[in-house]
């Protein structure tokens, strides 16, 4: 059995690699990277490192040769057409290299019904289904990182958090939790042809957020809605499902998700 992680030096990929160390020998894990110099620490730990570029099909076929289980971490390219083409290349290469099990990190709770032409994750999942390779869809919920643009430090100084009006609820998760769950799936059996919604089992809102900020700062923080607040994050949040919940993440990790208090500490 050999496990390959694409994008292994990225934020999520590097955390997954750290977790894989706990569950399988390093000799069973291969890091697929675009820049070998960033993967020197993996070589030191005994991992194999192979070059693979989503834009270079031949490099992917060569990298995937002999791989049993392949984790495709979705491309971070800003152009969705390019992202989709990159994913298509990975899937094609996996088929050519006879990969047995393909896992993909998509986005939690996609829209129902016909696949929208803009939805890279659902279109990628469809391509994987059509490939005939055994799959696992790891649909990651909203990263807690989004709180970094809400002005939490300023709120702790001023005593007030100002937000755009709305019935905001968040099923956000940490990359650390996602990485642990992903490593568990990669190293245990019974996940073929399954879809997991990796979200928190309960949501939080801005009332709870200011309560946590109050606790961390030692003074009372309140929040106020203001329609004049202008920030791209709110239009982004309005387009995705941030309120649905799932127990998949906790079940796969075999522990509770990281609390809101612990999750936001790095951002305050």
Protein backbone atom coordinates (compact mmCIF):
# COMPACT_ATOMS: atom_id res chain seq x y z
CA UNK A 1 0.00 0.00 0.00
CA UNK A 2 1.28 3.46 -0.89
CA UNK A 3 -0.40 6.75 -0.02
CA UNK A 4 0.30 9.91 -2.00
CA UNK A 5 -0.65 13.43 -0.93
CA UNK A 6 -0.69 16.08 -3.65
CA UNK A 7 0.04 19.67 -2.63
CA UNK A 8 1.96 18.15 0.27
CA UNK A 9 3.78 21.37 1.17
CA UNK A 10 0.62 23.50 1.27
CA UNK A 11 -1.17 24.55 4.45
CA UNK A 12 -3.56 21.59 4.54
CA UNK A 13 -1.21 19.14 2.88
CA UNK A 14 1.60 19.69 5.36
CA UNK A 15 -0.77 19.13 8.29
CA UNK A 16 -2.02 15.90 6.71
CA UNK A 17 1.56 14.72 6.28
CA UNK A 18 2.24 15.43 9.97
CA UNK A 19 -0.73 13.30 10.95
CA UNK A 20 0.14 10.45 8.62
CA UNK A 21 3.40 10.03 10.52
CA UNK A 22 1.36 8.87 13.52
CA UNK A 23 -0.48 6.09 11.75
CA UNK A 24 1.72 4.51 9.07
CA UNK A 25 5.45 4.11 8.42
CA UNK A 26 6.97 6.98 6.44
CA UNK A 27 7.98 4.47 3.76
CA UNK A 28 4.29 4.09 2.83
CA UNK A 29 3.73 7.83 2.20
CA UNK A 30 4.72 9.83 -0.86
CA UNK A 31 4.65 13.62 -1.06
CA UNK A 32 3.75 15.01 -4.47
CA UNK A 33 5.16 18.53 -4.82
CA UNK A 34 5.95 21.17 -7.42
CA UNK A 35 9.01 22.52 -5.60
CA UNK A 36 11.29 19.83 -4.23
CA UNK A 37 13.30 22.32 -2.16
CA UNK A 38 10.24 22.92 0.02
CA UNK A 39 10.01 19.21 0.83
CA UNK A 40 13.50 18.67 2.29
CA UNK A 41 12.02 17.99 5.74
CA UNK A 42 9.96 15.12 4.30
CA UNK A 43 13.07 13.43 2.95
CA UNK A 44 14.69 13.77 6.38
CA UNK A 45 11.70 11.99 7.93
CA UNK A 46 11.87 9.13 5.45
CA UNK A 47 9.03 10.10 3.13
CA UNK A 48 9.47 9.69 -0.59
CA UNK A 49 9.13 12.93 -2.56
CA UNK A 50 8.05 13.06 -6.20
CA UNK A 51 7.62 15.96 -8.58
CA UNK A 52 4.11 16.48 -9.90
CA UNK A 53 2.57 19.59 -11.45
CA UNK A 54 -1.18 19.86 -12.05
CA UNK A 55 -0.39 21.61 -15.33
CA UNK A 56 1.97 18.89 -16.60
CA UNK A 57 0.14 15.64 -17.34
CA UNK A 58 3.28 13.60 -17.98
CA UNK A 59 4.72 14.60 -14.60
CA UNK A 60 1.51 13.43 -12.90
CA UNK A 61 1.43 10.06 -14.64
CA UNK A 62 5.05 9.45 -13.64
CA UNK A 63 4.44 10.63 -10.07
CA UNK A 64 1.34 8.45 -9.61
CA UNK A 65 2.93 5.23 -10.91
CA UNK A 66 2.74 2.57 -8.21
CA UNK A 67 0.46 4.66 -5.97
CA UNK A 68 -2.48 2.80 -4.41
CA UNK A 69 -4.28 5.65 -2.65
CA UNK A 70 -4.14 9.22 -3.96
CA UNK A 71 -5.33 12.35 -2.18
CA UNK A 72 -6.12 15.19 -4.57
CA UNK A 73 -6.07 18.45 -2.63
CA UNK A 74 -8.04 20.91 -4.73
CA UNK A 75 -6.04 23.46 -6.68
CA UNK A 76 -5.64 26.92 -5.17
CA UNK A 77 -5.54 28.67 -8.57
CA UNK A 78 -7.80 31.75 -8.69
CA UNK A 79 -9.19 30.95 -12.16
CA UNK A 80 -11.88 28.26 -11.88
CA UNK A 81 -11.49 27.14 -15.49
CA UNK A 82 -7.80 26.48 -14.88
CA UNK A 83 -8.59 24.74 -11.58
CA UNK A 84 -11.05 22.41 -13.27
CA UNK A 85 -8.59 21.59 -16.03
CA UNK A 86 -5.90 20.87 -13.45
CA UNK A 87 -8.23 18.51 -11.60
CA UNK A 88 -9.11 16.80 -14.88
CA UNK A 89 -5.41 16.21 -15.54
CA UNK A 90 -4.94 14.65 -12.09
CA UNK A 91 -7.92 12.34 -12.60
CA UNK A 92 -6.74 11.33 -16.07
CA UNK A 93 -3.25 10.65 -14.77
CA UNK A 94 -4.62 8.62 -11.86
CA UNK A 95 -6.56 6.46 -14.31
CA UNK A 96 -3.51 5.99 -16.54
CA UNK A 97 -1.34 5.07 -13.53
CA UNK A 98 -3.93 2.57 -12.25
CA UNK A 99 -4.52 4.31 -8.92
CA UNK A 100 -7.02 2.24 -6.95
CA UNK A 101 -8.54 4.85 -4.62
CA UNK A 102 -8.86 8.61 -5.28
CA UNK A 103 -9.80 11.03 -2.51
CA UNK A 104 -10.75 14.63 -3.19
CA UNK A 105 -11.06 17.67 -0.91
CA UNK A 106 -14.15 19.56 -2.03
CA UNK A 107 -16.51 21.94 -0.24
CA UNK A 108 -19.22 20.94 2.24
CA UNK A 109 -22.93 21.02 1.48
CA UNK A 110 -22.93 21.90 -2.22
CA UNK A 111 -26.20 22.93 -3.91
CA UNK A 112 -28.69 20.19 -4.80
CA UNK A 113 -29.96 19.46 -8.30
CA UNK A 114 -28.18 20.05 -11.61
CA UNK A 115 -24.50 20.91 -11.23
CA UNK A 116 -23.94 24.66 -11.74
CA UNK A 117 -21.40 25.45 -14.46
CA UNK A 118 -19.31 27.44 -11.95
CA UNK A 119 -19.10 24.79 -9.21
CA UNK A 120 -15.57 23.44 -9.54
CA UNK A 121 -15.91 20.95 -6.68
CA UNK A 122 -19.09 19.27 -7.91
CA UNK A 123 -17.77 19.17 -11.47
CA UNK A 124 -14.58 17.55 -10.19
CA UNK A 125 -16.57 15.00 -8.21
CA UNK A 126 -18.55 14.20 -11.35
CA UNK A 127 -15.34 13.61 -13.32
CA UNK A 128 -14.08 11.29 -10.59
CA UNK A 129 -17.34 9.32 -10.66
CA UNK A 130 -17.08 9.01 -14.44
CA UNK A 131 -13.48 7.75 -14.16
CA UNK A 132 -14.64 4.58 -12.45
CA UNK A 133 -11.94 4.83 -9.77
CA UNK A 134 -13.03 4.11 -6.22
CA UNK A 135 -13.46 7.50 -4.56
CA UNK A 136 -13.91 9.28 -1.27
CA UNK A 137 -15.23 12.84 -1.28
CA UNK A 138 -13.94 14.85 1.68
CA UNK A 139 -16.10 17.95 1.63
CA UNK A 140 -14.46 20.53 3.86
CA UNK A 141 -16.57 23.15 5.59
CA UNK A 142 -15.64 26.83 5.89
CA UNK A 143 -12.16 27.34 7.33
CA UNK A 144 -12.18 29.23 10.64
CA UNK A 145 -9.54 31.47 9.01
CA UNK A 146 -12.31 33.72 7.71
CA UNK A 147 -12.54 35.35 11.16
CA UNK A 148 -9.17 36.93 10.42
CA UNK A 149 -10.87 39.63 8.33
CA UNK A 150 -13.63 40.45 10.82
CA UNK A 151 -11.53 42.85 12.91
CA UNK A 152 -11.36 40.76 16.08
CA UNK A 153 -8.33 42.53 17.53
CA UNK A 154 -9.93 45.92 16.92
CA UNK A 155 -13.12 44.68 18.58
CA UNK A 156 -11.17 43.61 21.65
CA UNK A 157 -9.60 47.06 21.84
CA UNK A 158 -12.76 49.08 21.20
CA UNK A 159 -15.24 46.81 22.97
CA UNK A 160 -17.45 46.43 19.91
CA UNK A 161 -17.56 44.11 16.89
CA UNK A 162 -19.40 45.58 13.90
CA UNK A 163 -20.88 43.17 11.34
CA UNK A 164 -23.07 43.30 8.27
CA UNK A 165 -26.73 42.49 9.12
CA UNK A 166 -27.92 38.94 8.64
CA UNK A 167 -28.84 35.70 10.33
CA UNK A 168 -25.25 34.51 10.29
CA UNK A 169 -24.45 31.01 11.54
CA UNK A 170 -21.15 29.21 11.02
CA UNK A 171 -20.18 25.53 10.81
CA UNK A 172 -16.51 26.45 10.49
CA UNK A 173 -13.63 24.07 11.16
CA UNK A 174 -9.88 24.23 11.65
CA UNK A 175 -7.37 22.88 9.14
CA UNK A 176 -5.88 20.86 11.99
CA UNK A 177 -9.16 18.99 12.51
CA UNK A 178 -9.60 18.43 8.78
CA UNK A 179 -6.04 17.13 8.51
CA UNK A 180 -6.57 14.63 11.31
CA UNK A 181 -9.82 13.33 9.80
CA UNK A 182 -8.22 13.06 6.37
CA UNK A 183 -5.24 11.14 7.72
CA UNK A 184 -7.60 8.74 9.48
CA UNK A 185 -9.48 8.12 6.22
CA UNK A 186 -6.23 7.60 4.31
CA UNK A 187 -4.99 5.00 6.78
CA UNK A 188 -8.14 3.01 7.58
CA UNK A 189 -10.44 0.86 5.48
CA UNK A 190 -14.10 1.08 4.52
CA UNK A 191 -14.13 4.57 2.99
CA UNK A 192 -14.42 3.62 -0.68
CA UNK A 193 -17.25 5.36 -2.53
CA UNK A 194 -18.25 7.43 0.50
CA UNK A 195 -18.96 11.15 0.84
CA UNK A 196 -18.17 12.95 4.10
CA UNK A 197 -19.38 16.41 5.05
CA UNK A 198 -16.52 17.60 7.24
CA UNK A 199 -18.30 20.34 9.17
CA UNK A 200 -18.82 21.12 12.83
CA UNK A 201 -21.72 19.30 14.54
CA UNK A 202 -23.16 22.63 15.73
CA UNK A 203 -23.01 26.23 14.58
CA UNK A 204 -21.93 29.42 16.29
CA UNK A 205 -23.04 33.02 15.75
CA UNK A 206 -21.71 36.49 16.45
CA UNK A 207 -23.25 36.53 19.94
CA UNK A 208 -21.13 33.52 20.85
CA UNK A 209 -18.11 35.05 19.16
CA UNK A 210 -18.22 38.23 21.24
CA UNK A 211 -18.72 36.14 24.38
CA UNK A 212 -15.48 34.32 23.60
CA UNK A 213 -13.72 37.60 22.77
CA UNK A 214 -14.92 38.97 26.10
CA UNK A 215 -13.47 35.98 27.89
CA UNK A 216 -10.15 36.23 26.09
CA UNK A 217 -9.81 40.00 26.55
CA UNK A 218 -11.10 40.20 30.08
CA UNK A 219 -13.61 42.92 29.21
CA UNK A 220 -17.12 43.00 27.84
CA UNK A 221 -17.32 42.96 24.03
CA UNK A 222 -20.62 43.61 22.25
CA UNK A 223 -21.56 43.38 18.59
CA UNK A 224 -23.59 45.71 16.41
CA UNK A 225 -25.05 45.21 12.96
CA UNK A 226 -24.42 47.99 10.46
CA UNK A 227 -25.55 47.88 6.82
CA UNK A 228 -22.78 50.31 5.87
CA UNK A 229 -20.15 47.65 6.60
CA UNK A 230 -18.50 46.81 3.28
CA UNK A 231 -16.37 43.71 2.95
CA UNK A 232 -16.15 40.96 0.34
CA UNK A 233 -16.35 38.27 3.03
CA UNK A 234 -20.08 38.81 3.58
CA UNK A 235 -21.01 38.39 -0.08
CA UNK A 236 -18.87 35.24 -0.16
CA UNK A 237 -20.50 33.84 2.98
CA UNK A 238 -23.97 34.53 1.57
CA UNK A 239 -23.23 32.26 -1.42
CA UNK A 240 -22.28 29.14 0.55
CA UNK A 241 -23.92 26.93 3.15
CA UNK A 242 -22.38 27.88 6.47
CA UNK A 243 -25.27 26.68 8.63
CA UNK A 244 -25.64 22.96 7.90
CA UNK A 245 -23.98 20.59 10.34
CA UNK A 246 -22.61 17.06 10.32
CA UNK A 247 -21.14 14.53 12.73
CA UNK A 248 -18.80 13.09 10.08
CA UNK A 249 -15.78 15.12 11.16
CA UNK A 250 -16.02 14.20 14.85
CA UNK A 251 -16.72 10.56 14.00
CA UNK A 252 -13.67 10.31 11.77
CA UNK A 253 -11.39 12.14 14.22
CA UNK A 254 -12.76 10.11 17.13
CA UNK A 255 -12.78 13.25 19.26
CA UNK A 256 -14.75 16.53 19.50
CA UNK A 257 -14.01 19.34 17.07
CA UNK A 258 -11.81 22.17 18.31
CA UNK A 259 -13.84 24.69 20.30
CA UNK A 260 -14.57 28.19 19.03
CA UNK A 261 -12.39 29.61 21.79
CA UNK A 262 -9.37 27.55 20.79
CA UNK A 263 -10.06 28.00 17.07
CA UNK A 264 -9.94 31.81 17.12
CA UNK A 265 -6.93 32.18 19.42
CA UNK A 266 -4.43 32.36 16.53
CA UNK A 267 -6.39 35.30 15.08
CA UNK A 268 -6.51 37.45 18.22
